[in-house]
């Protein structure tokens, strides 16, 4: 599990997006990219089918199963904030 959490300065009530400081969590290796808070609603695990980062939450996580980690293979994966 790769969590990211932060506090954010309050935005103007009527503004969108609501976050002043929008941080995005990604984990990438080769052509596979996981974005924070993009989960399969059945398993609760992160999915690599999304192409959009979460722009609404101050807590983001990437949760991978052992088989997902194995599928990434040996080598270096990059975690970005």
N, C-alpha and C. Protein backbone atom coordinates (compact mmCIF):
# COMPACT_ATOMS: atom_id res chain seq x y z
N UNK A 1 0.85 -1.17 0.00
CA UNK A 1 0.00 0.00 0.00
C UNK A 1 0.89 1.23 0.00
N UNK A 2 0.56 2.18 -0.84
CA UNK A 2 1.30 3.43 -0.95
C UNK A 2 0.35 4.58 -0.63
N UNK A 3 0.35 5.11 0.60
CA UNK A 3 -0.57 6.19 0.96
C UNK A 3 0.08 7.57 0.82
N UNK A 4 -0.76 8.56 0.60
CA UNK A 4 -0.34 9.96 0.58
C UNK A 4 -1.47 10.75 1.24
N UNK A 5 -1.15 11.56 2.23
CA UNK A 5 -2.16 12.38 2.90
C UNK A 5 -1.56 13.73 3.23
N UNK A 6 -2.37 14.77 3.12
CA UNK A 6 -1.90 16.11 3.42
C UNK A 6 -3.08 16.97 3.86
N UNK A 7 -2.79 18.07 4.51
CA UNK A 7 -3.83 19.05 4.84
C UNK A 7 -3.77 20.14 3.79
N UNK A 8 -4.91 20.74 3.54
CA UNK A 8 -4.99 21.73 2.47
C UNK A 8 -5.55 23.03 3.02
N UNK A 9 -5.09 24.13 2.46
CA UNK A 9 -5.61 25.44 2.81
C UNK A 9 -7.07 25.52 2.35
N UNK A 10 -7.97 26.10 3.14
CA UNK A 10 -9.37 26.17 2.73
C UNK A 10 -9.54 26.97 1.44
N UNK A 11 -10.34 26.44 0.53
CA UNK A 11 -10.62 27.15 -0.72
C UNK A 11 -11.83 28.05 -0.53
N UNK A 12 -12.09 28.86 -1.53
CA UNK A 12 -13.28 29.70 -1.52
C UNK A 12 -14.49 28.79 -1.63
N UNK A 13 -15.52 29.03 -0.86
CA UNK A 13 -16.67 28.13 -0.77
C UNK A 13 -17.25 27.74 -2.12
N UNK A 14 -17.41 28.67 -3.02
CA UNK A 14 -18.05 28.38 -4.30
C UNK A 14 -17.07 27.95 -5.39
N UNK A 15 -15.82 27.80 -5.04
CA UNK A 15 -14.83 27.49 -6.08
C UNK A 15 -14.78 26.00 -6.41
N UNK A 16 -14.41 25.72 -7.62
CA UNK A 16 -14.12 24.35 -8.07
C UNK A 16 -12.86 24.43 -8.89
N UNK A 17 -11.88 23.62 -8.74
CA UNK A 17 -11.85 22.51 -7.79
C UNK A 17 -11.72 23.01 -6.36
N UNK A 18 -12.05 22.15 -5.44
CA UNK A 18 -12.06 22.52 -4.03
C UNK A 18 -10.67 22.55 -3.42
N UNK A 19 -9.73 21.83 -3.99
CA UNK A 19 -8.38 21.79 -3.42
C UNK A 19 -7.57 22.99 -3.86
N UNK A 20 -6.85 23.57 -2.93
CA UNK A 20 -5.91 24.64 -3.25
C UNK A 20 -4.61 24.00 -3.73
N UNK A 21 -4.16 22.97 -3.03
CA UNK A 21 -2.94 22.24 -3.38
C UNK A 21 -3.32 20.83 -3.79
N UNK A 22 -3.42 20.59 -5.07
CA UNK A 22 -3.84 19.29 -5.57
C UNK A 22 -2.62 18.42 -5.84
N UNK A 23 -2.36 17.49 -4.93
CA UNK A 23 -1.26 16.54 -5.10
C UNK A 23 -1.83 15.26 -5.71
N UNK A 24 -1.09 14.65 -6.60
CA UNK A 24 -1.53 13.41 -7.24
C UNK A 24 -0.47 12.33 -7.05
N UNK A 25 -0.93 11.15 -6.67
CA UNK A 25 -0.05 10.01 -6.44
C UNK A 25 -0.13 9.06 -7.63
N UNK A 26 1.03 8.70 -8.19
CA UNK A 26 1.07 7.71 -9.26
C UNK A 26 2.20 6.73 -9.01
N UNK A 27 2.01 5.51 -9.48
CA UNK A 27 3.04 4.49 -9.47
C UNK A 27 3.13 3.98 -10.90
N UNK A 28 4.31 4.05 -11.51
CA UNK A 28 4.46 3.68 -12.91
C UNK A 28 5.65 2.77 -13.12
N UNK A 29 5.46 1.82 -14.01
CA UNK A 29 6.55 0.95 -14.46
C UNK A 29 6.22 0.54 -15.88
N UNK A 30 7.14 0.82 -16.78
CA UNK A 30 6.95 0.53 -18.20
C UNK A 30 5.65 1.17 -18.68
N UNK A 31 4.70 0.41 -19.20
CA UNK A 31 3.46 0.99 -19.73
C UNK A 31 2.31 0.91 -18.74
N UNK A 32 2.58 0.52 -17.49
CA UNK A 32 1.54 0.40 -16.48
C UNK A 32 1.62 1.58 -15.52
N UNK A 33 0.48 2.25 -15.31
CA UNK A 33 0.43 3.36 -14.37
C UNK A 33 -0.80 3.21 -13.48
N UNK A 34 -0.57 3.31 -12.18
CA UNK A 34 -1.66 3.32 -11.20
C UNK A 34 -1.78 4.73 -10.66
N UNK A 35 -3.01 5.25 -10.57
CA UNK A 35 -3.28 6.56 -10.00
C UNK A 35 -3.92 6.39 -8.63
N UNK A 36 -3.55 7.26 -7.70
CA UNK A 36 -4.11 7.18 -6.36
C UNK A 36 -5.62 7.29 -6.35
N UNK A 37 -6.25 6.46 -5.56
CA UNK A 37 -7.69 6.45 -5.32
C UNK A 37 -8.51 6.01 -6.52
N UNK A 38 -7.95 5.27 -7.43
CA UNK A 38 -8.71 4.65 -8.53
C UNK A 38 -8.75 3.16 -8.25
N UNK A 39 -9.88 2.71 -7.67
CA UNK A 39 -10.00 1.34 -7.19
C UNK A 39 -11.07 0.56 -7.94
N UNK A 40 -10.88 -0.75 -7.97
CA UNK A 40 -11.93 -1.67 -8.40
C UNK A 40 -12.94 -1.75 -7.26
N UNK A 41 -14.19 -1.47 -7.53
CA UNK A 41 -15.19 -1.42 -6.46
C UNK A 41 -15.48 -2.79 -5.88
N UNK A 42 -15.13 -3.86 -6.58
CA UNK A 42 -15.36 -5.21 -6.07
C UNK A 42 -14.23 -5.67 -5.17
N UNK A 43 -12.98 -5.47 -5.60
CA UNK A 43 -11.83 -5.98 -4.85
C UNK A 43 -11.22 -4.96 -3.90
N UNK A 44 -11.42 -3.68 -4.15
CA UNK A 44 -10.79 -2.64 -3.34
C UNK A 44 -9.34 -2.40 -3.72
N UNK A 45 -8.87 -3.06 -4.79
CA UNK A 45 -7.49 -2.89 -5.24
C UNK A 45 -7.41 -1.81 -6.30
N UNK A 46 -6.23 -1.22 -6.43
CA UNK A 46 -6.01 -0.22 -7.47
C UNK A 46 -6.11 -0.85 -8.85
N UNK A 47 -6.57 -0.07 -9.81
CA UNK A 47 -6.66 -0.53 -11.19
C UNK A 47 -5.77 0.34 -12.07
N UNK A 48 -5.25 -0.24 -13.13
CA UNK A 48 -4.38 0.50 -14.04
C UNK A 48 -5.10 0.92 -15.31
N UNK A 49 -6.44 0.92 -15.28
CA UNK A 49 -7.22 1.26 -16.48
C UNK A 49 -7.61 2.73 -16.50
N UNK A 50 -7.41 3.44 -15.43
CA UNK A 50 -7.76 4.85 -15.38
C UNK A 50 -6.63 5.70 -15.95
N UNK A 51 -6.99 6.82 -16.55
CA UNK A 51 -5.98 7.75 -17.06
C UNK A 51 -6.09 9.11 -16.39
N UNK A 52 -6.90 9.18 -15.31
CA UNK A 52 -7.11 10.46 -14.65
C UNK A 52 -6.72 10.39 -13.19
N UNK A 53 -6.08 11.42 -12.73
CA UNK A 53 -5.71 11.52 -11.32
C UNK A 53 -6.91 12.03 -10.52
N UNK A 54 -6.89 11.78 -9.23
CA UNK A 54 -7.93 12.23 -8.31
C UNK A 54 -7.69 13.69 -7.98
N UNK A 55 -8.67 14.54 -8.25
CA UNK A 55 -8.50 15.96 -7.98
C UNK A 55 -9.38 16.46 -6.87
N UNK A 56 -9.95 15.56 -6.05
CA UNK A 56 -10.92 15.99 -5.06
C UNK A 56 -10.61 15.59 -3.63
N UNK A 57 -9.58 14.79 -3.40
CA UNK A 57 -9.32 14.27 -2.06
C UNK A 57 -7.92 14.60 -1.57
N UNK A 58 -7.78 14.73 -0.25
CA UNK A 58 -6.47 14.98 0.35
C UNK A 58 -5.85 13.70 0.90
N UNK A 59 -6.45 12.57 0.63
CA UNK A 59 -5.89 11.27 0.96
C UNK A 59 -5.98 10.42 -0.30
N UNK A 60 -4.86 9.92 -0.75
CA UNK A 60 -4.83 9.05 -1.92
C UNK A 60 -4.00 7.82 -1.57
N UNK A 61 -4.38 6.68 -2.12
CA UNK A 61 -3.65 5.44 -1.87
C UNK A 61 -3.59 4.62 -3.14
N UNK A 62 -2.55 3.84 -3.24
CA UNK A 62 -2.44 2.80 -4.27
C UNK A 62 -2.30 1.50 -3.51
N UNK A 63 -3.22 0.58 -3.75
CA UNK A 63 -3.23 -0.70 -3.05
C UNK A 63 -3.10 -1.81 -4.08
N UNK A 64 -2.01 -2.57 -4.00
CA UNK A 64 -1.74 -3.64 -4.96
C UNK A 64 -1.72 -4.99 -4.27
N UNK A 65 -2.24 -6.01 -4.95
CA UNK A 65 -2.14 -7.37 -4.46
C UNK A 65 -0.76 -7.93 -4.81
N UNK A 66 -0.43 -9.06 -4.23
CA UNK A 66 0.85 -9.71 -4.53
C UNK A 66 0.94 -10.05 -6.02
N UNK A 67 -0.17 -10.45 -6.62
CA UNK A 67 -0.14 -10.79 -8.05
C UNK A 67 0.05 -9.55 -8.92
N UNK A 68 -0.50 -8.41 -8.51
CA UNK A 68 -0.27 -7.17 -9.25
C UNK A 68 1.19 -6.76 -9.17
N UNK A 69 1.78 -6.89 -8.01
CA UNK A 69 3.20 -6.56 -7.84
C UNK A 69 4.04 -7.49 -8.69
N UNK A 70 3.72 -8.78 -8.69
CA UNK A 70 4.46 -9.75 -9.50
C UNK A 70 4.33 -9.44 -10.98
N UNK A 71 3.15 -8.99 -11.41
CA UNK A 71 2.93 -8.65 -12.82
C UNK A 71 3.78 -7.47 -13.26
N UNK A 72 4.11 -6.57 -12.33
CA UNK A 72 4.99 -5.46 -12.67
C UNK A 72 6.39 -5.95 -13.00
N UNK A 73 6.77 -7.09 -12.43
CA UNK A 73 8.06 -7.69 -12.74
C UNK A 73 9.20 -7.04 -11.98
N UNK A 74 10.38 -7.58 -12.22
CA UNK A 74 11.58 -7.07 -11.56
C UNK A 74 11.96 -5.72 -12.14
N UNK A 75 12.71 -4.98 -11.38
CA UNK A 75 13.17 -3.69 -11.86
C UNK A 75 12.63 -2.56 -10.99
N UNK A 76 12.73 -1.37 -11.50
CA UNK A 76 12.37 -0.18 -10.73
C UNK A 76 11.04 0.38 -11.17
N UNK A 77 10.16 0.59 -10.21
CA UNK A 77 8.92 1.30 -10.44
C UNK A 77 9.09 2.72 -9.88
N UNK A 78 8.39 3.67 -10.44
CA UNK A 78 8.53 5.07 -10.02
C UNK A 78 7.25 5.52 -9.33
N UNK A 79 7.40 6.03 -8.09
CA UNK A 79 6.29 6.63 -7.36
C UNK A 79 6.46 8.14 -7.47
N UNK A 80 5.40 8.81 -7.92
CA UNK A 80 5.46 10.28 -8.09
C UNK A 80 4.36 10.96 -7.28
N UNK A 81 4.69 12.12 -6.76
CA UNK A 81 3.72 12.98 -6.08
C UNK A 81 3.73 14.30 -6.82
